Amino acid sequence: MPQWLIDYWALMGFGPTGWGISMLRAAGMTIAVSSAGFALRSLLGALAAWARLSGSRTAASISATYTTVIRGIPELLVIYLVFFGGAVVLGWIWRMVWEGEGFISLPPLIAGFIAVGICNGAHQAEVFRGAFRTIARGEIEAAAAFGMRRLLAFRRIIAPQVLRFALAGLGNCWQLCLKESSLVSVTGLVALLRQSLNGGRSTRDFFSILLTRAALYLVITTVSSALFAAAEHCALRGLKRA
């Protein structure tokens, strides 16, 4: 066995001096913050898409303002605004309600997934809006003709088809969530980026640690891409593909 491979295994092993367990835990934290951020951005994206399609000028203006502001601000700045802005809000509540003193900050995980969710909810809104446009207008009109209320038509006709056609775009949004989660390390969250930097400083072997981090990201993205592809295949079963 080559010496470099022996040295790498000693560095990334699962023993008391190896960084294998620490990197896997950091990968789990990356998946956790990405999943929570993806769920939040799906909610924000659905609300923004509904606002654009509702026909209300006020709702459409709010949605347009949100998408314009978020697209014009760097993701890292959004993370800082959420982290420090959340501390300001919590501090104000702490002083007003409980008359306390001192600095209170959002937990890094909560601040991280809120920031990740806010960052690209605008992109997810366009995914949902485009999927809605693919639904045949006659189906919605037929639901109204049968006397279905809007909520029932949404649950039985609109939502299932929007999710079906949006799966491909949602897969891309999930990949963006994974990449943006690396920026959350600035809040102190020990995800893959921060853990790899900690490992590099401790071992003086940045290349091996960063290479492992890249491999873990590649594994996560490959598996998640396969899962989204399988879900899309099942959802589009029986439909002609372009």
Foldseek 3Di string as FASTA:
>chain_A
DDPVVVVLCQQQPPDPNHCVVVQVVLAVLLVVLLVLLLVLLLVLLQQLLCLCVVPDPVSVVVSVVLLVVLVVDDLLVLLVCLFVVQQVVVQVCCCPPVVDDDTDTDDLSVSRSVSSNSNCSNVSNVLLNVQQVPADPVLVVVCVVVVHDPVRCCVPPRVLSSCLSSLVVSLVSSLVSSVSSLSSCVVVDSHLNNSLVVSCVVPVCSPSSVVVSVVSSVVVSVVSVVVSVVVNCVSCPPPDDD
